[in-house]
């Protein structure tokens, strides 16, 4: 026999010519040093798990390893971050005074991150109202300026077309000519700084 096996066959009779079925006995050799070792189970360590995760190219949630459709709501983060950025614009000089964004009284919209076929896409739609306060020097007299800037709905990638509408809270304190000058100043001075903050917001959103 191959591999050192031994086989014996035995036939038995009853003396009258009636044979009984042969029986077989087979011995298998014992395992020797040159035989392949049996597999031994190995428990994964924390380092092994981290190494496997670091090699993964999928994005999105852990459960979504295939990178199929997944949408994540980022409204809480986006709303809070927009308010922080806009209130950090600081005081800006006007032609005859200065003003600043004292509060963001309206910040309504949606922000989201979508994973499709293991590719990340972000987007948002928001509308804002910025509370403005400042001072205006008018013929040797300093007057308080209060009002708000309304920014109608805007979306990701549309900041070049950002629009603003300025409304003063105490118009009766100014003649028409002064009022128009203040409104133009506020729109002109705040448009670019606000746009820059929103561009920063877009970049932070993309980096999430």
N, C-alpha and C. Protein backbone atom coordinates (compact mmCIF):
# COMPACT_ATOMS: atom_id res chain seq x y z
N UNK A 1 0.84 -1.20 0.00
CA UNK A 1 0.00 0.00 0.00
C UNK A 1 0.87 1.24 0.00
N UNK A 2 0.37 2.35 -0.58
CA UNK A 2 1.09 3.59 -0.55
C UNK A 2 1.05 4.18 0.84
N UNK A 3 2.06 5.08 1.13
CA UNK A 3 2.13 5.80 2.39
C UNK A 3 2.25 4.89 3.60
N UNK A 4 2.76 3.71 3.39
CA UNK A 4 3.04 2.83 4.53
C UNK A 4 1.83 2.15 5.09
N UNK A 5 0.70 2.13 4.44
CA UNK A 5 -0.49 1.47 4.95
C UNK A 5 -0.38 -0.03 4.77
N UNK A 6 -1.00 -0.79 5.61
CA UNK A 6 -0.98 -2.25 5.53
C UNK A 6 -2.40 -2.74 5.43
N UNK A 7 -2.65 -3.62 4.47
CA UNK A 7 -4.02 -4.14 4.29
C UNK A 7 -3.97 -5.65 4.31
N UNK A 8 -4.78 -6.28 5.11
CA UNK A 8 -4.89 -7.74 5.17
C UNK A 8 -6.31 -8.14 4.82
N UNK A 9 -6.42 -9.18 4.03
CA UNK A 9 -7.74 -9.71 3.68
C UNK A 9 -7.85 -11.12 4.23
N UNK A 10 -8.94 -11.47 4.87
CA UNK A 10 -9.15 -12.79 5.47
C UNK A 10 -10.47 -13.35 4.97
N UNK A 11 -10.45 -14.64 4.50
CA UNK A 11 -11.67 -15.32 4.06
C UNK A 11 -11.89 -16.52 4.96
N UNK A 12 -13.07 -16.76 5.38
CA UNK A 12 -13.39 -17.84 6.32
C UNK A 12 -14.43 -18.77 5.69
N UNK A 13 -14.31 -20.10 5.98
CA UNK A 13 -15.27 -21.09 5.46
C UNK A 13 -15.85 -21.90 6.59
N UNK A 14 -16.94 -22.62 6.30
CA UNK A 14 -17.57 -23.44 7.33
C UNK A 14 -17.23 -24.92 7.19
N UNK A 15 -16.25 -25.24 6.24
CA UNK A 15 -15.88 -26.65 6.06
C UNK A 15 -16.73 -27.34 5.06
N UNK A 16 -17.86 -26.81 4.67
CA UNK A 16 -18.72 -27.44 3.68
C UNK A 16 -18.65 -26.75 2.35
N UNK A 17 -17.61 -25.93 2.22
CA UNK A 17 -17.46 -25.25 0.93
C UNK A 17 -18.22 -23.96 0.84
N UNK A 18 -18.85 -23.57 1.96
CA UNK A 18 -19.57 -22.29 1.94
C UNK A 18 -18.66 -21.21 2.50
N UNK A 19 -18.25 -20.31 1.65
CA UNK A 19 -17.35 -19.25 2.11
C UNK A 19 -18.12 -18.05 2.65
N UNK A 20 -17.51 -17.43 3.63
CA UNK A 20 -18.09 -16.20 4.18
C UNK A 20 -17.41 -15.01 3.55
N UNK A 21 -18.07 -13.88 3.62
CA UNK A 21 -17.52 -12.66 3.00
C UNK A 21 -16.20 -12.30 3.64
N UNK A 22 -15.30 -11.82 2.80
CA UNK A 22 -13.98 -11.43 3.29
C UNK A 22 -14.08 -10.19 4.15
N UNK A 23 -13.23 -10.12 5.15
CA UNK A 23 -13.16 -8.93 5.99
C UNK A 23 -11.82 -8.25 5.78
N UNK A 24 -11.80 -6.94 5.90
CA UNK A 24 -10.58 -6.18 5.62
C UNK A 24 -10.19 -5.38 6.85
N UNK A 25 -8.92 -5.30 7.07
CA UNK A 25 -8.38 -4.48 8.14
C UNK A 25 -7.34 -3.56 7.54
N UNK A 26 -7.39 -2.21 7.89
CA UNK A 26 -6.47 -1.24 7.28
C UNK A 26 -5.88 -0.37 8.37
N UNK A 27 -4.57 -0.32 8.37
CA UNK A 27 -3.88 0.51 9.34
C UNK A 27 -3.28 1.73 8.64
N UNK A 28 -3.51 2.93 9.19
CA UNK A 28 -2.93 4.15 8.63
C UNK A 28 -1.71 4.52 9.45
N UNK A 29 -0.65 4.92 8.76
CA UNK A 29 0.58 5.23 9.48
C UNK A 29 0.37 6.43 10.42
N UNK A 30 1.14 6.49 11.43
CA UNK A 30 1.10 7.61 12.35
C UNK A 30 1.69 8.86 11.70
N UNK A 31 1.25 10.04 12.17
CA UNK A 31 1.76 11.30 11.63
C UNK A 31 3.24 11.42 11.94
N UNK A 32 4.01 11.77 10.92
CA UNK A 32 5.45 11.92 11.08
C UNK A 32 5.81 13.39 11.00
N UNK A 33 7.08 13.67 11.18
CA UNK A 33 7.54 15.06 11.23
C UNK A 33 7.38 15.79 9.92
N UNK A 34 7.41 15.03 8.79
CA UNK A 34 7.32 15.68 7.48
C UNK A 34 5.89 15.93 7.04
N UNK A 35 4.89 15.56 7.83
CA UNK A 35 3.49 15.79 7.46
C UNK A 35 3.12 17.25 7.71
N UNK A 36 2.14 17.79 6.93
CA UNK A 36 1.70 19.18 7.09
C UNK A 36 1.06 19.37 8.45
N UNK A 37 1.40 20.45 9.17
CA UNK A 37 0.82 20.66 10.51
C UNK A 37 -0.65 21.05 10.41
N UNK A 38 -1.40 20.72 11.43
CA UNK A 38 -2.81 21.08 11.47
C UNK A 38 -2.96 22.58 11.69
N UNK A 39 -4.00 23.23 11.08
CA UNK A 39 -4.19 24.68 11.27
C UNK A 39 -4.53 24.98 12.73
N UNK A 40 -3.94 26.07 13.22
CA UNK A 40 -4.19 26.49 14.61
C UNK A 40 -4.93 27.82 14.58
N UNK A 41 -6.10 27.94 15.21
CA UNK A 41 -6.85 29.22 15.21
C UNK A 41 -6.07 30.31 15.91
N UNK A 42 -6.17 31.53 15.38
CA UNK A 42 -5.45 32.68 15.94
C UNK A 42 -6.45 33.78 16.28
N UNK A 43 -6.37 34.30 17.47
CA UNK A 43 -7.26 35.38 17.89
C UNK A 43 -6.70 36.72 17.40
N UNK A 44 -7.56 37.53 16.75
CA UNK A 44 -7.13 38.82 16.24
C UNK A 44 -6.89 39.80 17.39
N UNK A 45 -5.81 40.54 17.29
CA UNK A 45 -5.53 41.58 18.28
C UNK A 45 -6.15 42.89 17.84
N UNK A 46 -6.17 43.88 18.74
CA UNK A 46 -6.70 45.21 18.40
C UNK A 46 -5.90 45.82 17.26
N UNK A 47 -4.59 45.57 17.23
CA UNK A 47 -3.75 46.10 16.16
C UNK A 47 -4.11 45.49 14.81
N UNK A 48 -4.44 44.19 14.81
CA UNK A 48 -4.84 43.53 13.57
C UNK A 48 -6.11 44.17 13.02
N UNK A 49 -7.06 44.49 13.91
CA UNK A 49 -8.33 45.08 13.48
C UNK A 49 -8.11 46.47 12.93
N UNK A 50 -7.28 47.27 13.61
CA UNK A 50 -6.99 48.62 13.14
C UNK A 50 -6.29 48.59 11.80
N UNK A 51 -5.39 47.63 11.62
CA UNK A 51 -4.67 47.51 10.36
C UNK A 51 -5.62 47.20 9.21
N UNK A 52 -6.58 46.32 9.48
CA UNK A 52 -7.57 45.97 8.44
C UNK A 52 -8.43 47.16 8.09
N UNK A 53 -8.82 47.92 9.11
CA UNK A 53 -9.66 49.09 8.85
C UNK A 53 -8.91 50.15 8.07
N UNK A 54 -7.63 50.34 8.35
CA UNK A 54 -6.85 51.37 7.67
C UNK A 54 -6.64 51.04 6.20
N UNK A 55 -6.74 49.76 5.84
CA UNK A 55 -6.57 49.35 4.46
C UNK A 55 -7.86 49.50 3.65
N UNK A 56 -8.97 49.76 4.35
CA UNK A 56 -10.25 49.89 3.65
C UNK A 56 -10.32 51.20 2.89
N UNK A 57 -10.83 51.16 1.66
CA UNK A 57 -10.94 52.36 0.84
C UNK A 57 -12.36 52.91 0.82
N UNK A 58 -13.27 52.27 1.53
CA UNK A 58 -14.65 52.74 1.52
C UNK A 58 -14.80 53.96 2.40
N UNK A 59 -15.78 54.83 2.09
CA UNK A 59 -16.09 55.99 2.89
C UNK A 59 -17.52 55.88 3.37
N UNK A 60 -17.89 56.77 4.27
CA UNK A 60 -19.24 56.70 4.81
C UNK A 60 -19.24 55.90 6.10
N UNK A 61 -20.40 55.39 6.48
CA UNK A 61 -20.55 54.68 7.74
C UNK A 61 -19.87 53.33 7.69
N UNK A 62 -19.58 52.78 8.90
CA UNK A 62 -18.93 51.48 8.99
C UNK A 62 -19.79 50.40 8.36
N UNK A 63 -21.11 50.53 8.53
CA UNK A 63 -21.99 49.49 7.99
C UNK A 63 -22.07 49.54 6.48
N UNK A 64 -21.65 50.65 5.88
CA UNK A 64 -21.81 50.82 4.43
C UNK A 64 -20.48 50.58 3.71
N UNK A 65 -19.87 49.42 3.93
CA UNK A 65 -18.58 49.12 3.34
C UNK A 65 -18.63 49.07 1.82
N UNK A 66 -19.78 48.75 1.27
CA UNK A 66 -19.89 48.68 -0.19
C UNK A 66 -19.93 50.06 -0.83
N UNK A 67 -20.11 51.10 -0.02
CA UNK A 67 -20.12 52.46 -0.56
C UNK A 67 -21.35 52.76 -1.40
N UNK A 68 -22.48 52.10 -1.10
CA UNK A 68 -23.71 52.37 -1.84
C UNK A 68 -24.33 53.66 -1.32
N UNK A 69 -25.56 53.96 -1.75
CA UNK A 69 -26.21 55.23 -1.40
C UNK A 69 -26.35 55.39 0.11
N UNK A 70 -25.90 56.54 0.60
CA UNK A 70 -26.06 56.90 2.01
C UNK A 70 -26.12 58.41 2.12
N UNK A 71 -27.10 58.92 2.82
CA UNK A 71 -27.24 60.37 3.01
C UNK A 71 -27.19 60.70 4.49
N UNK A 72 -26.33 61.65 4.83
CA UNK A 72 -26.17 62.06 6.24
C UNK A 72 -26.62 63.51 6.40
N UNK A 73 -27.48 63.74 7.38
CA UNK A 73 -27.98 65.08 7.68
C UNK A 73 -26.95 65.84 8.51
N UNK A 74 -26.55 67.02 8.02
CA UNK A 74 -25.56 67.85 8.71
C UNK A 74 -26.13 69.17 9.18
N UNK A 75 -27.44 69.24 9.33
CA UNK A 75 -28.10 70.50 9.67
C UNK A 75 -27.59 71.12 10.98
N UNK A 76 -27.46 70.33 12.02
CA UNK A 76 -27.06 70.87 13.31
C UNK A 76 -25.67 71.51 13.23
N UNK A 77 -24.74 70.78 12.64
CA UNK A 77 -23.39 71.32 12.50
C UNK A 77 -23.39 72.56 11.61
N UNK A 78 -24.06 72.49 10.47
CA UNK A 78 -24.03 73.58 9.49
C UNK A 78 -24.64 74.86 10.05
N UNK A 79 -25.77 74.76 10.71
CA UNK A 79 -26.42 75.95 11.26
C UNK A 79 -25.56 76.63 12.30
N UNK A 80 -25.00 75.83 13.20
CA UNK A 80 -24.14 76.39 14.24
C UNK A 80 -22.88 77.01 13.65
N UNK A 81 -22.30 76.33 12.66
CA UNK A 81 -21.05 76.83 12.07
C UNK A 81 -21.29 78.11 11.26
N UNK A 82 -22.38 78.20 10.55
CA UNK A 82 -22.70 79.42 9.82
C UNK A 82 -22.82 80.61 10.75
N UNK A 83 -23.51 80.44 11.86
CA UNK A 83 -23.67 81.54 12.82
C UNK A 83 -22.31 81.98 13.37
N UNK A 84 -21.46 81.00 13.69
CA UNK A 84 -20.14 81.33 14.23
C UNK A 84 -19.31 82.13 13.23
N UNK A 85 -19.31 81.69 11.99
CA UNK A 85 -18.50 82.34 10.97
C UNK A 85 -19.00 83.75 10.67
N UNK A 86 -20.30 83.92 10.55
CA UNK A 86 -20.85 85.22 10.19
C UNK A 86 -20.68 86.25 11.30
N UNK A 87 -20.80 85.82 12.55
CA UNK A 87 -20.62 86.76 13.66
C UNK A 87 -19.15 87.12 13.87
N UNK A 88 -18.26 86.38 13.21
CA UNK A 88 -16.83 86.68 13.33
C UNK A 88 -16.35 87.67 12.27
N UNK A 89 -17.25 88.20 11.45
CA UNK A 89 -16.86 89.16 10.41
C UNK A 89 -16.21 90.39 11.04
N UNK A 90 -16.74 90.82 12.17
CA UNK A 90 -16.15 91.96 12.87
C UNK A 90 -16.71 93.29 12.40
N UNK A 91 -16.18 94.37 12.96
CA UNK A 91 -16.64 95.72 12.64
C UNK A 91 -16.03 96.19 11.32
N UNK A 92 -16.88 96.75 10.45
CA UNK A 92 -16.44 97.23 9.14
C UNK A 92 -16.66 98.73 9.04
N UNK A 93 -15.72 99.40 8.40
CA UNK A 93 -15.82 100.85 8.22
C UNK A 93 -16.76 101.19 7.07
N UNK A 94 -17.64 102.16 7.32
CA UNK A 94 -18.52 102.69 6.30
C UNK A 94 -17.96 104.04 5.84
N UNK A 95 -18.58 104.65 4.87
CA UNK A 95 -18.07 105.94 4.38
C UNK A 95 -18.15 107.02 5.45
N UNK A 96 -19.15 106.92 6.34
CA UNK A 96 -19.30 107.90 7.41
C UNK A 96 -19.60 107.24 8.75
N UNK A 97 -19.02 106.09 8.99
CA UNK A 97 -19.28 105.41 10.25
C UNK A 97 -18.72 104.00 10.25
N UNK A 98 -19.34 103.14 11.01
CA UNK A 98 -18.93 101.74 11.08
C UNK A 98 -20.13 100.90 11.52
N UNK A 99 -20.04 99.58 11.25
CA UNK A 99 -21.13 98.68 11.61
C UNK A 99 -20.60 97.26 11.73
N UNK A 100 -21.38 96.41 12.40
CA UNK A 100 -20.99 95.01 12.58
C UNK A 100 -22.22 94.11 12.62
N UNK A 101 -21.99 92.84 12.41
CA UNK A 101 -23.08 91.85 12.54
C UNK A 101 -23.18 91.47 14.01
N UNK A 102 -24.25 91.86 14.66
CA UNK A 102 -24.41 91.58 16.08
C UNK A 102 -25.06 90.24 16.36
N UNK A 103 -25.80 89.72 15.36
CA UNK A 103 -26.47 88.43 15.57
C UNK A 103 -26.94 87.87 14.23
N UNK A 104 -27.17 86.59 14.20
CA UNK A 104 -27.79 85.93 13.04
C UNK A 104 -29.17 85.49 13.50
N UNK A 105 -30.17 86.27 13.14
CA UNK A 105 -31.52 86.02 13.66
C UNK A 105 -32.30 84.99 12.85
N UNK A 106 -31.83 84.71 11.67
CA UNK A 106 -32.47 83.68 10.85
C UNK A 106 -31.39 82.89 10.12
N UNK A 107 -31.42 81.59 10.31
CA UNK A 107 -30.48 80.69 9.63
C UNK A 107 -31.22 79.39 9.37
N UNK A 108 -31.91 79.35 8.24
CA UNK A 108 -32.83 78.26 7.95
C UNK A 108 -32.39 77.55 6.67
N UNK A 109 -32.31 76.23 6.75
CA UNK A 109 -31.94 75.48 5.56
C UNK A 109 -31.55 74.06 5.88
N UNK A 110 -30.87 73.44 4.93
CA UNK A 110 -30.44 72.04 5.05
C UNK A 110 -29.02 71.90 4.52
N UNK A 111 -28.28 71.00 5.15
CA UNK A 111 -26.95 70.63 4.67
C UNK A 111 -26.83 69.12 4.75
N UNK A 112 -26.17 68.52 3.78
CA UNK A 112 -26.12 67.06 3.75
C UNK A 112 -24.85 66.57 3.08
N UNK A 113 -24.53 65.31 3.38
CA UNK A 113 -23.42 64.60 2.75
C UNK A 113 -23.98 63.31 2.18
N UNK A 114 -23.75 63.08 0.90
CA UNK A 114 -24.26 61.89 0.24
C UNK A 114 -23.09 61.05 -0.26
N UNK A 115 -23.14 59.75 0.03
CA UNK A 115 -22.15 58.81 -0.49
C UNK A 115 -22.83 57.96 -1.55
N UNK A 116 -22.32 58.01 -2.78
CA UNK A 116 -22.87 57.24 -3.89
C UNK A 116 -21.72 56.51 -4.58
N UNK A 117 -21.80 55.18 -4.58
CA UNK A 117 -20.75 54.36 -5.22
C UNK A 117 -19.37 54.75 -4.71
N UNK A 118 -19.29 54.89 -3.41
CA UNK A 118 -18.03 55.19 -2.72
C UNK A 118 -17.45 56.55 -3.07
N UNK A 119 -18.29 57.46 -3.56
CA UNK A 119 -17.88 58.83 -3.83
C UNK A 119 -18.70 59.78 -2.97
N UNK A 120 -18.03 60.80 -2.43
CA UNK A 120 -18.68 61.72 -1.50
C UNK A 120 -19.13 62.99 -2.21
N UNK A 121 -20.36 63.41 -1.92
CA UNK A 121 -20.91 64.65 -2.45
C UNK A 121 -21.58 65.41 -1.31
N UNK A 122 -21.37 66.73 -1.29
CA UNK A 122 -21.99 67.55 -0.25
C UNK A 122 -22.85 68.63 -0.90
N UNK A 123 -23.77 69.15 -0.13
CA UNK A 123 -24.63 70.21 -0.64
C UNK A 123 -25.36 70.89 0.50
N UNK A 124 -25.93 72.05 0.21
CA UNK A 124 -26.70 72.78 1.21
C UNK A 124 -27.59 73.80 0.51
N UNK A 125 -28.61 74.25 1.22
CA UNK A 125 -29.47 75.36 0.81
C UNK A 125 -29.84 76.12 2.08
N UNK A 126 -29.57 77.44 2.11
CA UNK A 126 -29.84 78.23 3.31
C UNK A 126 -30.36 79.62 2.93
N UNK A 127 -31.04 80.22 3.89
CA UNK A 127 -31.39 81.63 3.81
C UNK A 127 -31.12 82.26 5.17
N UNK A 128 -30.67 83.54 5.15
CA UNK A 128 -30.17 84.16 6.36
C UNK A 128 -30.75 85.55 6.58
N UNK A 129 -30.78 85.95 7.86
CA UNK A 129 -31.03 87.34 8.23
C UNK A 129 -29.97 87.73 9.25
N UNK A 130 -29.22 88.79 8.95
CA UNK A 130 -28.13 89.24 9.80
C UNK A 130 -28.53 90.55 10.47
N UNK A 131 -28.46 90.59 11.79
CA UNK A 131 -28.77 91.81 12.53
C UNK A 131 -27.55 92.72 12.54
N UNK A 132 -27.77 93.99 12.17
CA UNK A 132 -26.67 94.95 12.04
C UNK A 132 -26.84 96.08 13.06
N UNK A 133 -25.72 96.46 13.64
CA UNK A 133 -25.73 97.66 14.48
C UNK A 133 -24.43 98.44 14.24
N UNK A 134 -24.51 99.75 14.39
CA UNK A 134 -23.33 100.57 14.17
C UNK A 134 -23.62 102.03 14.44
N UNK A 135 -22.80 102.87 13.86
CA UNK A 135 -22.98 104.30 14.05
C UNK A 135 -22.70 105.04 12.74
N UNK A 136 -23.36 106.18 12.60
CA UNK A 136 -23.24 106.98 11.38
C UNK A 136 -22.99 108.44 11.78
N UNK A 137 -21.93 109.01 11.25
CA UNK A 137 -21.59 110.40 11.57
C UNK A 137 -22.24 111.33 10.54
N UNK A 138 -23.14 112.13 11.01
CA UNK A 138 -23.94 112.97 10.12
C UNK A 138 -23.85 114.43 10.55
N UNK A 139 -23.11 115.21 9.77
CA UNK A 139 -22.99 116.65 10.05
C UNK A 139 -22.66 116.91 11.51
N UNK A 140 -21.54 116.35 11.93
CA UNK A 140 -21.01 116.51 13.29
C UNK A 140 -21.89 115.87 14.36
N UNK A 141 -22.80 115.04 13.93
CA UNK A 141 -23.68 114.33 14.87
C UNK A 141 -23.54 112.82 14.64
N UNK A 142 -23.39 112.07 15.72
CA UNK A 142 -23.27 110.61 15.61
C UNK A 142 -24.62 109.97 15.92
N UNK A 143 -25.10 109.20 14.96
CA UNK A 143 -26.39 108.53 15.14
C UNK A 143 -26.20 107.02 15.11
N UNK A 144 -27.03 106.35 15.88
CA UNK A 144 -26.98 104.88 15.92
C UNK A 144 -27.67 104.30 14.69
N UNK A 145 -27.01 103.31 14.10
CA UNK A 145 -27.57 102.62 12.94
C UNK A 145 -27.97 101.21 13.36
N UNK A 146 -29.22 100.87 13.12
CA UNK A 146 -29.72 99.52 13.39
C UNK A 146 -30.50 99.03 12.17
N UNK A 147 -30.39 97.76 11.93
CA UNK A 147 -31.12 97.22 10.78
C UNK A 147 -30.79 95.75 10.61
N UNK A 148 -31.13 95.24 9.45
CA UNK A 148 -30.82 93.83 9.17
C UNK A 148 -30.56 93.65 7.68
N UNK A 149 -29.81 92.62 7.39
CA UNK A 149 -29.51 92.23 6.01
C UNK A 149 -30.16 90.88 5.75
N UNK A 150 -31.05 90.85 4.79
CA UNK A 150 -31.68 89.59 4.38
C UNK A 150 -30.91 89.00 3.20
N UNK A 151 -30.56 87.73 3.31
CA UNK A 151 -29.90 87.01 2.21
C UNK A 151 -30.85 85.92 1.76
N UNK A 152 -31.45 86.07 0.58
CA UNK A 152 -32.39 85.06 0.11
C UNK A 152 -31.70 83.73 -0.15
N UNK A 153 -32.48 82.71 -0.38
CA UNK A 153 -31.98 81.33 -0.50
C UNK A 153 -30.81 81.22 -1.47
N UNK A 154 -29.76 80.57 -1.00
CA UNK A 154 -28.58 80.31 -1.82
C UNK A 154 -28.15 78.86 -1.59
N UNK A 155 -27.40 78.32 -2.54
CA UNK A 155 -27.01 76.91 -2.47
C UNK A 155 -25.53 76.74 -2.77
N UNK A 156 -25.09 75.53 -2.63
CA UNK A 156 -23.68 75.19 -2.87
C UNK A 156 -23.28 75.60 -4.28
N UNK A 157 -22.16 76.32 -4.41
CA UNK A 157 -21.65 76.72 -5.71
C UNK A 157 -22.30 77.95 -6.31
N UNK A 158 -23.16 78.64 -5.55
CA UNK A 158 -23.88 79.80 -6.07
C UNK A 158 -23.47 81.11 -5.41
N UNK A 159 -22.35 81.12 -4.70
CA UNK A 159 -21.99 82.31 -3.92
C UNK A 159 -21.56 83.50 -4.77
N UNK A 160 -21.18 83.27 -6.00
CA UNK A 160 -20.84 84.39 -6.89
C UNK A 160 -22.06 85.26 -7.17
N UNK A 161 -23.24 84.67 -7.05
CA UNK A 161 -24.49 85.40 -7.30
C UNK A 161 -25.23 85.76 -6.00
N UNK A 162 -24.50 85.80 -4.90
CA UNK A 162 -25.12 86.08 -3.60
C UNK A 162 -25.80 87.45 -3.61
N UNK A 163 -27.02 87.50 -3.10
CA UNK A 163 -27.81 88.73 -3.08
C UNK A 163 -28.05 89.18 -1.64
N UNK A 164 -28.18 90.50 -1.45
CA UNK A 164 -28.47 91.07 -0.13
C UNK A 164 -29.54 92.14 -0.24
N UNK A 165 -30.39 92.20 0.76
CA UNK A 165 -31.38 93.27 0.87
C UNK A 165 -31.25 93.88 2.26
N UNK A 166 -31.01 95.19 2.33
CA UNK A 166 -30.78 95.88 3.60
C UNK A 166 -32.01 96.67 4.01
N UNK A 167 -32.37 96.56 5.26
CA UNK A 167 -33.51 97.29 5.80
C UNK A 167 -33.10 97.95 7.12
N UNK A 168 -33.29 99.27 7.23
CA UNK A 168 -32.98 99.98 8.47
C UNK A 168 -34.16 99.91 9.43
N UNK A 169 -33.85 99.82 10.71
CA UNK A 169 -34.91 99.71 11.72
C UNK A 169 -35.47 101.06 12.13
N UNK A 170 -34.66 102.11 12.07
CA UNK A 170 -35.09 103.44 12.52
C UNK A 170 -34.92 104.44 11.38
N UNK A 171 -35.69 104.25 10.34
CA UNK A 171 -35.57 105.09 9.15
C UNK A 171 -35.95 106.54 9.43
N UNK A 172 -36.82 106.75 10.39
CA UNK A 172 -37.30 108.11 10.65
C UNK A 172 -36.20 109.05 11.14
N UNK A 173 -35.10 108.45 11.61
CA UNK A 173 -34.00 109.27 12.12
C UNK A 173 -33.12 109.81 11.01
N UNK A 174 -33.39 109.39 9.75
CA UNK A 174 -32.53 109.81 8.65
C UNK A 174 -33.38 110.36 7.50
N UNK A 175 -32.85 111.35 6.84
CA UNK A 175 -33.52 111.84 5.63
C UNK A 175 -33.27 110.81 4.54
N UNK A 176 -34.04 110.90 3.47
CA UNK A 176 -33.99 109.89 2.42
C UNK A 176 -32.60 109.72 1.82
N UNK A 177 -31.92 110.83 1.61
CA UNK A 177 -30.59 110.75 1.01
C UNK A 177 -29.61 110.02 1.92
N UNK A 178 -29.62 110.32 3.19
CA UNK A 178 -28.74 109.64 4.14
C UNK A 178 -29.09 108.16 4.26
N UNK A 179 -30.38 107.89 4.27
CA UNK A 179 -30.83 106.51 4.38
C UNK A 179 -30.32 105.67 3.21
N UNK A 180 -30.44 106.19 2.01
CA UNK A 180 -29.96 105.46 0.84
C UNK A 180 -28.45 105.26 0.88
N UNK A 181 -27.73 106.25 1.39
CA UNK A 181 -26.28 106.13 1.48
C UNK A 181 -25.88 105.04 2.47
N UNK A 182 -26.57 104.99 3.60
CA UNK A 182 -26.27 103.97 4.61
C UNK A 182 -26.57 102.58 4.06
N UNK A 183 -27.69 102.42 3.38
CA UNK A 183 -28.07 101.12 2.82
C UNK A 183 -27.04 100.66 1.79
N UNK A 184 -26.62 101.57 0.92
CA UNK A 184 -25.61 101.22 -0.09
C UNK A 184 -24.28 100.86 0.57
N UNK A 185 -23.92 101.61 1.58
CA UNK A 185 -22.67 101.32 2.28
C UNK A 185 -22.70 99.94 2.93
N UNK A 186 -23.78 99.63 3.61
CA UNK A 186 -23.89 98.34 4.28
C UNK A 186 -23.82 97.18 3.28
N UNK A 187 -24.52 97.33 2.18
CA UNK A 187 -24.51 96.27 1.17
C UNK A 187 -23.11 96.12 0.55
N UNK A 188 -22.50 97.25 0.23
CA UNK A 188 -21.19 97.22 -0.41
C UNK A 188 -20.11 96.66 0.51
N UNK A 189 -20.12 97.07 1.78
CA UNK A 189 -19.06 96.67 2.70
C UNK A 189 -19.21 95.26 3.24
N UNK A 190 -20.46 94.78 3.34
CA UNK A 190 -20.66 93.46 3.94
C UNK A 190 -20.72 92.33 2.92
N UNK A 191 -20.97 92.62 1.67
CA UNK A 191 -21.15 91.56 0.69
C UNK A 191 -19.93 90.65 0.57
N UNK A 192 -18.77 91.22 0.35
CA UNK A 192 -17.57 90.40 0.16
C UNK A 192 -17.13 89.67 1.43
N UNK A 193 -17.08 90.33 2.61
CA UNK A 193 -16.72 89.57 3.82
C UNK A 193 -17.68 88.42 4.12
N UNK A 194 -18.98 88.64 3.90
CA UNK A 194 -19.94 87.57 4.13
C UNK A 194 -19.73 86.45 3.12
N UNK A 195 -19.50 86.78 1.88
CA UNK A 195 -19.24 85.77 0.85
C UNK A 195 -18.01 84.93 1.21
N UNK A 196 -16.97 85.58 1.72
CA UNK A 196 -15.75 84.85 2.09
C UNK A 196 -16.02 83.88 3.23
N UNK A 197 -16.83 84.28 4.18
CA UNK A 197 -17.18 83.37 5.28
C UNK A 197 -18.00 82.18 4.78
N UNK A 198 -18.87 82.43 3.83
CA UNK A 198 -19.67 81.34 3.28
C UNK A 198 -18.82 80.41 2.44
N UNK A 199 -17.82 80.93 1.76
CA UNK A 199 -16.87 80.09 1.01
C UNK A 199 -16.07 79.20 1.97
N UNK A 200 -15.70 79.77 3.10
CA UNK A 200 -15.01 78.98 4.13
C UNK A 200 -15.92 77.87 4.63
N UNK A 201 -17.20 78.20 4.81
CA UNK A 201 -18.17 77.19 5.23
C UNK A 201 -18.26 76.06 4.20
N UNK A 202 -18.31 76.40 2.93
CA UNK A 202 -18.37 75.38 1.88
C UNK A 202 -17.15 74.47 1.93
N UNK A 203 -15.98 75.03 2.12
CA UNK A 203 -14.76 74.22 2.17
C UNK A 203 -14.78 73.29 3.37
N UNK A 204 -15.20 73.78 4.52
CA UNK A 204 -15.27 72.95 5.70
C UNK A 204 -16.29 71.83 5.50
N UNK A 205 -17.36 72.14 4.82
CA UNK A 205 -18.38 71.12 4.53
C UNK A 205 -17.80 70.03 3.64
N UNK A 206 -17.03 70.42 2.62
CA UNK A 206 -16.43 69.43 1.71
C UNK A 206 -15.40 68.57 2.43
N UNK A 207 -14.75 69.13 3.43
CA UNK A 207 -13.69 68.40 4.13
C UNK A 207 -14.22 67.44 5.19
N UNK A 208 -15.49 67.45 5.45
CA UNK A 208 -16.04 66.57 6.48
C UNK A 208 -16.09 65.13 5.99
